[in-house]
Amino acid sequence: MRIQSMLLAGLGALALAGCAQKEVVAEAPPPPPPPGAVSGSVAADRDGDGLVDGYYTSDGIYHPNAVLMPPPPPPAPTRKGERG
């Protein structure tokens, strides 16, 4: 008798669980793409070094990151010594 009561209570709880109100939670917006990325793209690491090399757009085209200009050369050493 005890098993039948437990089974009946379990089935009743299971049946009523389907009627429970579910709270609607808004999803967080996706993070903005990093600088140099094409909007709506997927990051790509072609050489496997762990750094993002470029991006693939939804049509499958690869866009490499813009290559930054190298820094200017350092200034010439100051003249020191007897004739400096």
PDB file of N, CA and C in Angstrom:
ATOM      1  N   MET A   1       0.819  -1.183   0.000  1.00  0.00           N
ATOM      2  CA  MET A   1       0.000   0.000   0.000  1.00  0.00           C
ATOM      3  C   MET A   1       0.865   1.249   0.000  1.00  0.00           C
ATOM      4  N   ARG A   2       1.949   1.184   0.727  1.00  0.00           N
ATOM      5  CA  ARG A   2       2.818   2.343   0.834  1.00  0.00           C
ATOM      6  C   ARG A   2       3.464   2.695  -0.511  1.00  0.00           C
ATOM      7  N   ILE A   3       3.821   1.671  -1.289  1.00  0.00           N
ATOM      8  CA  ILE A   3       4.444   1.895  -2.593  1.00  0.00           C
ATOM      9  C   ILE A   3       3.439   2.551  -3.538  1.00  0.00           C
ATOM     10  N   GLN A   4       2.182   2.132  -3.471  1.00  0.00           N
ATOM     11  CA  GLN A   4       1.163   2.713  -4.333  1.00  0.00           C
ATOM     12  C   GLN A   4       0.952   4.192  -3.993  1.00  0.00           C
ATOM     13  N   SER A   5       0.988   4.541  -2.719  1.00  0.00           N
ATOM     14  CA  SER A   5       0.816   5.943  -2.314  1.00  0.00           C
ATOM     15  C   SER A   5       1.984   6.789  -2.813  1.00  0.00           C
ATOM     16  N   MET A   6       3.197   6.253  -2.688  1.00  0.00           N
ATOM     17  CA  MET A   6       4.389   6.992  -3.152  1.00  0.00           C
ATOM     18  C   MET A   6       4.349   7.153  -4.669  1.00  0.00           C
ATOM     19  N   LEU A   7       3.938   6.105  -5.365  1.00  0.00           N
ATOM     20  CA  LEU A   7       3.849   6.158  -6.815  1.00  0.00           C
ATOM     21  C   LEU A   7       2.793   7.161  -7.258  1.00  0.00           C
ATOM     22  N   LEU A   8       1.648   7.172  -6.598  1.00  0.00           N
ATOM     23  CA  LEU A   8       0.584   8.114  -6.922  1.00  0.00           C
ATOM     24  C   LEU A   8       1.039   9.556  -6.676  1.00  0.00           C
ATOM     25  N   ALA A   9       1.729   9.794  -5.556  1.00  0.00           N
ATOM     26  CA  ALA A   9       2.221  11.146  -5.257  1.00  0.00           C
ATOM     27  C   ALA A   9       3.274  11.574  -6.289  1.00  0.00           C
ATOM     28  N   GLY A  10       4.139  10.661  -6.680  1.00  0.00           N
ATOM     29  CA  GLY A  10       5.170  10.973  -7.675  1.00  0.00           C
ATOM     30  C   GLY A  10       4.579  11.287  -9.033  1.00  0.00           C
ATOM     31  N   LEU A  11       3.598  10.507  -9.470  1.00  0.00           N
ATOM     32  CA  LEU A  11       2.949  10.763 -10.755  1.00  0.00           C
ATOM     33  C   LEU A  11       2.157  12.069 -10.733  1.00  0.00           C
ATOM     34  N   GLY A  12       1.539  12.381  -9.601  1.00  0.00           N
ATOM     35  CA  GLY A  12       0.806  13.645  -9.483  1.00  0.00           C
ATOM     36  C   GLY A  12       1.745  14.833  -9.577  1.00  0.00           C
ATOM     37  N   ALA A  13       2.888  14.735  -8.902  1.00  0.00           N
ATOM     38  CA  ALA A  13       3.865  15.823  -8.960  1.00  0.00           C
ATOM     39  C   ALA A  13       4.419  15.974 -10.373  1.00  0.00           C
ATOM     40  N   LEU A  14       4.646  14.855 -11.032  1.00  0.00           N
ATOM     41  CA  LEU A  14       5.167  14.894 -12.400  1.00  0.00           C
ATOM     42  C   LEU A  14       4.144  15.511 -13.359  1.00  0.00           C
ATOM     43  N   ALA A  15       2.879  15.181 -13.176  1.00  0.00           N
ATOM     44  CA  ALA A  15       1.831  15.731 -14.032  1.00  0.00           C
ATOM     45  C   ALA A  15       1.681  17.237 -13.823  1.00  0.00           C
ATOM     46  N   LEU A  16       1.794  17.681 -12.571  1.00  0.00           N
ATOM     47  CA  LEU A  16       1.645  19.111 -12.293  1.00  0.00           C
ATOM     48  C   LEU A  16       2.886  19.915 -12.665  1.00  0.00           C
ATOM     49  N   ALA A  17       4.021  19.261 -12.800  1.00  0.00           N
ATOM     50  CA  ALA A  17       5.255  19.973 -13.153  1.00  0.00           C
ATOM     51  C   ALA A  17       5.167  20.560 -14.563  1.00  0.00           C
ATOM     52  N   GLY A  18       4.391  19.923 -15.416  1.00  0.00           N
ATOM     53  CA  GLY A  18       4.232  20.432 -16.774  1.00  0.00           C
ATOM     54  C   GLY A  18       3.440  21.722 -16.823  1.00  0.00           C
ATOM     55  N   CYS A  19       2.668  22.008 -15.795  1.00  0.00           N
ATOM     56  CA  CYS A  19       1.847  23.212 -15.751  1.00  0.00           C
ATOM     57  C   CYS A  19       2.572  24.393 -15.101  1.00  0.00           C
ATOM     58  N   ALA A  20       3.766  24.177 -14.642  1.00  0.00           N
ATOM     59  CA  ALA A  20       4.492  25.238 -13.936  1.00  0.00           C
ATOM     60  C   ALA A  20       4.813  26.392 -14.876  1.00  0.00           C
ATOM     61  N   GLN A  21       4.762  27.593 -14.351  1.00  0.00           N
ATOM     62  CA  GLN A  21       5.089  28.781 -15.132  1.00  0.00           C
ATOM     63  C   GLN A  21       6.606  28.879 -15.256  1.00  0.00           C
ATOM     64  N   LYS A  22       7.082  29.069 -16.462  1.00  0.00           N
ATOM     65  CA  LYS A  22       8.515  29.202 -16.684  1.00  0.00           C
ATOM     66  C   LYS A  22       8.834  30.679 -16.862  1.00  0.00           C
ATOM     67  N   GLU A  23       9.832  31.137 -16.142  1.00  0.00           N
ATOM     68  CA  GLU A  23      10.228  32.543 -16.217  1.00  0.00           C
ATOM     69  C   GLU A  23      11.000  32.779 -17.516  1.00  0.00           C
ATOM     70  N   VAL A  24      10.615  33.804 -18.246  1.00  0.00           N
ATOM     71  CA  VAL A  24      11.290  34.141 -19.494  1.00  0.00           C
ATOM     72  C   VAL A  24      12.483  35.029 -19.166  1.00  0.00           C
ATOM     73  N   VAL A  25      13.648  34.597 -19.583  1.00  0.00           N
ATOM     74  CA  VAL A  25      14.880  35.344 -19.323  1.00  0.00           C
ATOM     75  C   VAL A  25      15.433  35.819 -20.656  1.00  0.00           C
ATOM     76  N   ALA A  26      15.693  37.105 -20.748  1.00  0.00           N
ATOM     77  CA  ALA A  26      16.248  37.650 -21.982  1.00  0.00           C
ATOM     78  C   ALA A  26      17.710  37.236 -22.106  1.00  0.00           C
ATOM     79  N   GLU A  27      18.111  36.906 -23.313  1.00  0.00           N
ATOM     80  CA  GLU A  27      19.501  36.521 -23.551  1.00  0.00           C
ATOM     81  C   GLU A  27      20.373  37.761 -23.598  1.00  0.00           C
ATOM     82  N   ALA A  28      21.602  37.601 -23.164  1.00  0.00           N
ATOM     83  CA  ALA A  28      22.553  38.707 -23.220  1.00  0.00           C
ATOM     84  C   ALA A  28      22.948  38.941 -24.682  1.00  0.00           C
ATOM     85  N   PRO A  29      23.143  40.198 -25.067  1.00  0.00           N
ATOM     86  CA  PRO A  29      23.562  40.454 -26.446  1.00  0.00           C
ATOM     87  C   PRO A  29      24.985  39.938 -26.663  1.00  0.00           C
ATOM     88  N   PRO A  30      25.323  39.553 -27.878  1.00  0.00           N
ATOM     89  CA  PRO A  30      26.675  39.057 -28.124  1.00  0.00           C
ATOM     90  C   PRO A  30      27.694  40.181 -27.916  1.00  0.00           C
ATOM     91  N   PRO A  31      28.910  39.827 -27.522  1.00  0.00           N
ATOM     92  CA  PRO A  31      29.911  40.867 -27.312  1.00  0.00           C
ATOM     93  C   PRO A  31      30.272  41.535 -28.629  1.00  0.00           C
ATOM     94  N   PRO A  32      30.687  42.795 -28.590  1.00  0.00           N
ATOM     95  CA  PRO A  32      31.057  43.465 -29.838  1.00  0.00           C
ATOM     96  C   PRO A  32      32.338  42.852 -30.403  1.00  0.00           C
ATOM     97  N   PRO A  33      32.495  42.872 -31.719  1.00  0.00           N
ATOM     98  CA  PRO A  33      33.717  42.302 -32.290  1.00  0.00           C
ATOM     99  C   PRO A  33      34.930  43.139 -31.896  1.00  0.00           C
ATOM    100  N   PRO A  34      36.086  42.498 -31.750  1.00  0.00           N
ATOM    101  CA  PRO A  34      37.285  43.241 -31.394  1.00  0.00           C
ATOM    102  C   PRO A  34      37.707  44.177 -32.529  1.00  0.00           C
ATOM    103  N   PRO A  35      38.587  45.121 -32.252  1.00  0.00           N
ATOM    104  CA  PRO A  35      39.036  46.041 -33.310  1.00  0.00           C
ATOM    105  C   PRO A  35      39.640  45.281 -34.479  1.00  0.00           C
ATOM    106  N   GLY A  36      39.307  45.690 -35.666  1.00  0.00           N
ATOM    107  CA  GLY A  36      39.829  45.044 -36.869  1.00  0.00           C
ATOM    108  C   GLY A  36      38.962  43.911 -37.366  1.00  0.00           C
ATOM    109  N   ALA A  37      37.930  43.515 -36.615  1.00  0.00           N
ATOM    110  CA  ALA A  37      37.074  42.406 -37.021  1.00  0.00           C
ATOM    111  C   ALA A  37      35.961  42.903 -37.927  1.00  0.00           C
ATOM    112  N   VAL A  38      35.488  42.001 -38.752  1.00  0.00           N
ATOM    113  CA  VAL A  38      34.349  42.284 -39.611  1.00  0.00           C
ATOM    114  C   VAL A  38      33.107  41.872 -38.829  1.00  0.00           C
ATOM    115  N   SER A  39      32.098  42.718 -38.775  1.00  0.00           N
ATOM    116  CA  SER A  39      30.903  42.429 -37.993  1.00  0.00           C
ATOM    117  C   SER A  39      30.220  41.168 -38.505  1.00  0.00           C
ATOM    118  N   GLY A  40      29.791  40.286 -37.599  1.00  0.00           N
ATOM    119  CA  GLY A  40      29.133  39.037 -37.971  1.00  0.00           C
ATOM    120  C   GLY A  40      30.098  37.981 -38.451  1.00  0.00           C
ATOM    121  N   SER A  41      31.345  38.013 -38.006  1.00  0.00           N
ATOM    122  CA  SER A  41      32.354  37.080 -38.483  1.00  0.00           C
ATOM    123  C   SER A  41      32.821  36.154 -37.364  1.00  0.00           C
ATOM    124  N   VAL A  42      33.638  35.173 -37.736  1.00  0.00           N
ATOM    125  CA  VAL A  42      34.194  34.197 -36.804  1.00  0.00           C
ATOM    126  C   VAL A  42      35.706  34.343 -36.821  1.00  0.00           C
ATOM    127  N   ALA A  43      36.313  34.380 -35.639  1.00  0.00           N
ATOM    128  CA  ALA A  43      37.764  34.544 -35.554  1.00  0.00           C
ATOM    129  C   ALA A  43      38.469  33.315 -36.112  1.00  0.00           C
ATOM    130  N   ALA A  44      39.644  33.524 -36.712  1.00  0.00           N
ATOM    131  CA  ALA A  44      40.429  32.434 -37.297  1.00  0.00           C
ATOM    132  C   ALA A  44      41.860  32.506 -36.795  1.00  0.00           C
ATOM    133  N   ASP A  45      42.406  31.339 -36.504  1.00  0.00           N
ATOM    134  CA  ASP A  45      43.807  31.211 -36.108  1.00  0.00           C
ATOM    135  C   ASP A  45      44.446  30.246 -37.086  1.00  0.00           C
ATOM    136  N   ARG A  46      44.939  30.758 -38.192  1.00  0.00           N
ATOM    137  CA  ARG A  46      45.444  29.897 -39.263  1.00  0.00           C
ATOM    138  C   ARG A  46      46.754  29.211 -38.924  1.00  0.00           C
ATOM    139  N   ASP A  47      47.647  29.863 -38.188  1.00  0.00           N
ATOM    140  CA  ASP A  47      48.945  29.246 -37.925  1.00  0.00           C
ATOM    141  C   ASP A  47      48.997  28.502 -36.594  1.00  0.00           C
ATOM    142  N   GLY A  48      47.909  28.505 -35.810  1.00  0.00           N
ATOM    143  CA  GLY A  48      47.829  27.715 -34.599  1.00  0.00           C
ATOM    144  C   GLY A  48      48.650  28.226 -33.428  1.00  0.00           C
ATOM    145  N   ASP A  49      48.989  29.519 -33.412  1.00  0.00           N
ATOM    146  CA  ASP A  49      49.790  30.052 -32.306  1.00  0.00           C
ATOM    147  C   ASP A  49      48.940  30.586 -31.170  1.00  0.00           C
ATOM    148  N   GLY A  50      47.615  30.494 -31.280  1.00  0.00           N
ATOM    149  CA  GLY A  50      46.725  30.955 -30.216  1.00  0.00           C
ATOM    150  C   GLY A  50      46.319  32.404 -30.355  1.00  0.00           C
ATOM    151  N   LEU A  51      46.802  33.106 -31.358  1.00  0.00           N
ATOM    152  CA  LEU A  51      46.436  34.500 -31.597  1.00  0.00           C
ATOM    153  C   LEU A  51      45.549  34.572 -32.829  1.00  0.00           C
ATOM    154  N   VAL A  52      44.571  35.478 -32.797  1.00  0.00           N
ATOM    155  CA  VAL A  52      43.650  35.631 -33.916  1.00  0.00           C
ATOM    156  C   VAL A  52      44.391  36.284 -35.079  1.00  0.00           C
ATOM    157  N   ASP A  53      44.400  35.588 -36.223  1.00  0.00           N
ATOM    158  CA  ASP A  53      45.086  36.095 -37.411  1.00  0.00           C
ATOM    159  C   ASP A  53      44.150  36.862 -38.338  1.00  0.00           C
ATOM    160  N   GLY A  54      42.878  36.519 -38.307  1.00  0.00           N
ATOM    161  CA  GLY A  54      41.912  37.162 -39.186  1.00  0.00           C
ATOM    162  C   GLY A  54      40.522  36.659 -38.852  1.00  0.00           C
ATOM    163  N   TYR A  55      39.592  36.830 -39.784  1.00  0.00           N
ATOM    164  CA  TYR A  55      38.198  36.477 -39.547  1.00  0.00           C
ATOM    165  C   TYR A  55      37.586  35.891 -40.810  1.00  0.00           C
ATOM    166  N   TYR A  56      36.665  34.920 -40.606  1.00  0.00           N
ATOM    167  CA  TYR A  56      35.870  34.366 -41.693  1.00  0.00           C
ATOM    168  C   TYR A  56      34.474  34.963 -41.602  1.00  0.00           C
ATOM    169  N   THR A  57      33.967  35.489 -42.709  1.00  0.00           N
ATOM    170  CA  THR A  57      32.607  35.999 -42.744  1.00  0.00           C
ATOM    171  C   THR A  57      31.651  34.847 -43.030  1.00  0.00           C
ATOM    172  N   SER A  58      30.340  35.110 -42.984  1.00  0.00           N
ATOM    173  CA  SER A  58      29.341  34.055 -43.165  1.00  0.00           C
ATOM    174  C   SER A  58      29.396  33.444 -44.564  1.00  0.00           C
ATOM    175  N   ASP A  59      29.944  34.149 -45.546  1.00  0.00           N
ATOM    176  CA  ASP A  59      30.053  33.583 -46.893  1.00  0.00           C
ATOM    177  C   ASP A  59      31.362  32.827 -47.105  1.00  0.00           C
ATOM    178  N   GLY A  60      32.182  32.665 -46.051  1.00  0.00           N
ATOM    179  CA  GLY A  60      33.393  31.845 -46.128  1.00  0.00           C
ATOM    180  C   GLY A  60      34.638  32.582 -46.579  1.00  0.00           C
ATOM    181  N   ILE A  61      34.590  33.895 -46.697  1.00  0.00           N
ATOM    182  CA  ILE A  61      35.763  34.658 -47.140  1.00  0.00           C
ATOM    183  C   ILE A  61      36.622  34.999 -45.931  1.00  0.00           C
ATOM    184  N   TYR A  62      37.927  34.788 -46.072  1.00  0.00           N
ATOM    185  CA  TYR A  62      38.880  35.080 -44.998  1.00  0.00           C
ATOM    186  C   TYR A  62      39.343  36.526 -45.126  1.00  0.00           C
ATOM    187  N   HIS A  63      39.297  37.263 -44.013  1.00  0.00           N
ATOM    188  CA  HIS A  63      39.765  38.645 -43.964  1.00  0.00           C
ATOM    189  C   HIS A  63      40.913  38.712 -42.963  1.00  0.00           C
ATOM    190  N   PRO A  64      42.147  38.895 -43.428  1.00  0.00           N
ATOM    191  CA  PRO A  64      43.253  38.976 -42.470  1.00  0.00           C
ATOM    192  C   PRO A  64      43.190  40.272 -41.678  1.00  0.00           C
ATOM    193  N   ASN A  65      43.777  40.239 -40.475  1.00  0.00           N
ATOM    194  CA  ASN A  65      43.871  41.465 -39.687  1.00  0.00           C
ATOM    195  C   ASN A  65      44.771  42.449 -40.409  1.00  0.00           C
ATOM    196  N   ALA A  66      44.472  43.726 -40.238  1.00  0.00           N
ATOM    197  CA  ALA A  66      45.294  44.758 -40.852  1.00  0.00           C
ATOM    198  C   ALA A  66      46.683  44.722 -40.224  1.00  0.00           C
ATOM    199  N   VAL A  67      47.693  44.766 -41.060  1.00  0.00           N
ATOM    200  CA  VAL A  67      49.066  44.762 -40.568  1.00  0.00           C
ATOM    201  C   VAL A  67      49.415  46.187 -40.159  1.00  0.00           C
ATOM    202  N   LEU A  68      49.844  46.315 -38.921  1.00  0.00           N
ATOM    203  CA  LEU A  68      50.195  47.632 -38.420  1.00  0.00           C
ATOM    204  C   LEU A  68      51.559  48.050 -38.940  1.00  0.00           C
ATOM    205  N   MET A  69      51.735  49.329 -39.095  1.00  0.00           N
ATOM    206  CA  MET A  69      53.024  49.849 -39.535  1.00  0.00           C
ATOM    207  C   MET A  69      54.057  49.567 -38.452  1.00  0.00           C
ATOM    208  N   PRO A  70      55.288  49.221 -38.839  1.00  0.00           N
ATOM    209  CA  PRO A  70      56.307  48.993 -37.821  1.00  0.00           C
ATOM    210  C   PRO A  70      56.653  50.305 -37.125  1.00  0.00           C
ATOM    211  N   PRO A  71      57.083  50.232 -35.881  1.00  0.00           N
ATOM    212  CA  PRO A  71      57.417  51.469 -35.174  1.00  0.00           C
ATOM    213  C   PRO A  71      58.625  52.148 -35.817  1.00  0.00           C
ATOM    214  N   PRO A  72      58.751  53.450 -35.626  1.00  0.00           N
ATOM    215  CA  PRO A  72      59.901  54.148 -36.214  1.00  0.00           C
ATOM    216  C   PRO A  72      61.198  53.650 -35.569  1.00  0.00           C
ATOM    217  N   PRO A  73      62.302  53.779 -36.281  1.00  0.00           N
ATOM    218  CA  PRO A  73      63.562  53.313 -35.713  1.00  0.00           C
ATOM    219  C   PRO A  73      63.948  54.158 -34.495  1.00  0.00           C
ATOM    220  N   PRO A  74      64.735  53.588 -33.599  1.00  0.00           N
ATOM    221  CA  PRO A  74      65.136  54.352 -32.418  1.00  0.00           C
ATOM    222  C   PRO A  74      66.057  55.507 -32.811  1.00  0.00           C
ATOM    223  N   PRO A  75      66.140  56.519 -31.968  1.00  0.00           N
ATOM    224  CA  PRO A  75      67.018  57.643 -32.312  1.00  0.00           C
ATOM    225  C   PRO A  75      68.485  57.201 -32.312  1.00  0.00           C
ATOM    226  N   ALA A  76      69.270  57.935 -33.055  1.00  0.00           N
ATOM    227  CA  ALA A  76      70.701  57.631 -33.126  1.00  0.00           C
ATOM    228  C   ALA A  76      71.332  57.832 -31.750  1.00  0.00           C
ATOM    229  N   PRO A  77      72.344  57.037 -31.423  1.00  0.00           N
ATOM    230  CA  PRO A  77      72.984  57.200 -30.121  1.00  0.00           C
ATOM    231  C   PRO A  77      73.655  58.567 -30.011  1.00  0.00           C
ATOM    232  N   THR A  78      73.658  59.080 -28.797  1.00  0.00           N
ATOM    233  CA  THR A  78      74.310  60.379 -28.593  1.00  0.00           C
ATOM    234  C   THR A  78      75.824  60.209 -28.664  1.00  0.00           C
ATOM    235  N   ARG A  79      76.477  61.261 -29.090  1.00  0.00           N
ATOM    236  CA  ARG A  79      77.937  61.200 -29.201  1.00  0.00           C
ATOM    237  C   ARG A  79      78.545  61.504 -27.848  1.00  0.00           C
ATOM    238  N   LYS A  80      79.363  60.616 -27.415  1.00  0.00           N
ATOM    239  CA  LYS A  80      80.046  60.808 -26.135  1.00  0.00           C
ATOM    240  C   LYS A  80      81.536  60.641 -26.363  1.00  0.00           C
ATOM    241  N   GLY A  81      82.247  61.182 -25.496  1.00  0.00           N
ATOM    242  CA  GLY A  81      83.691  60.997 -25.588  1.00  0.00           C
ATOM    243  C   GLY A  81      84.419  62.314 -25.784  1.00  0.00           C
ATOM    244  N   GLU A  82      85.650  62.232 -26.239  1.00  0.00           N
ATOM    245  CA  GLU A  82      86.531  63.372 -26.393  1.00  0.00           C
ATOM    246  C   GLU A  82      86.008  64.410 -27.352  1.00  0.00           C
ATOM    247  N   ARG A  83      85.473  63.944 -28.460  1.00  0.00           N
ATOM    248  CA  ARG A  83      85.026  64.878 -29.494  1.00  0.00           C
ATOM    249  C   ARG A  83      83.518  65.063 -29.493  1.00  0.00           C
ATOM    250  N   GLY A  84      82.814  64.530 -28.498  1.00  0.00           N
ATOM    251  CA  GLY A  84      81.371  64.555 -28.462  1.00  0.00           C
ATOM    252  C   GLY A  84      80.839  65.881 -28.222  1.00  0.00           C
TER     253      GLY A  84
END
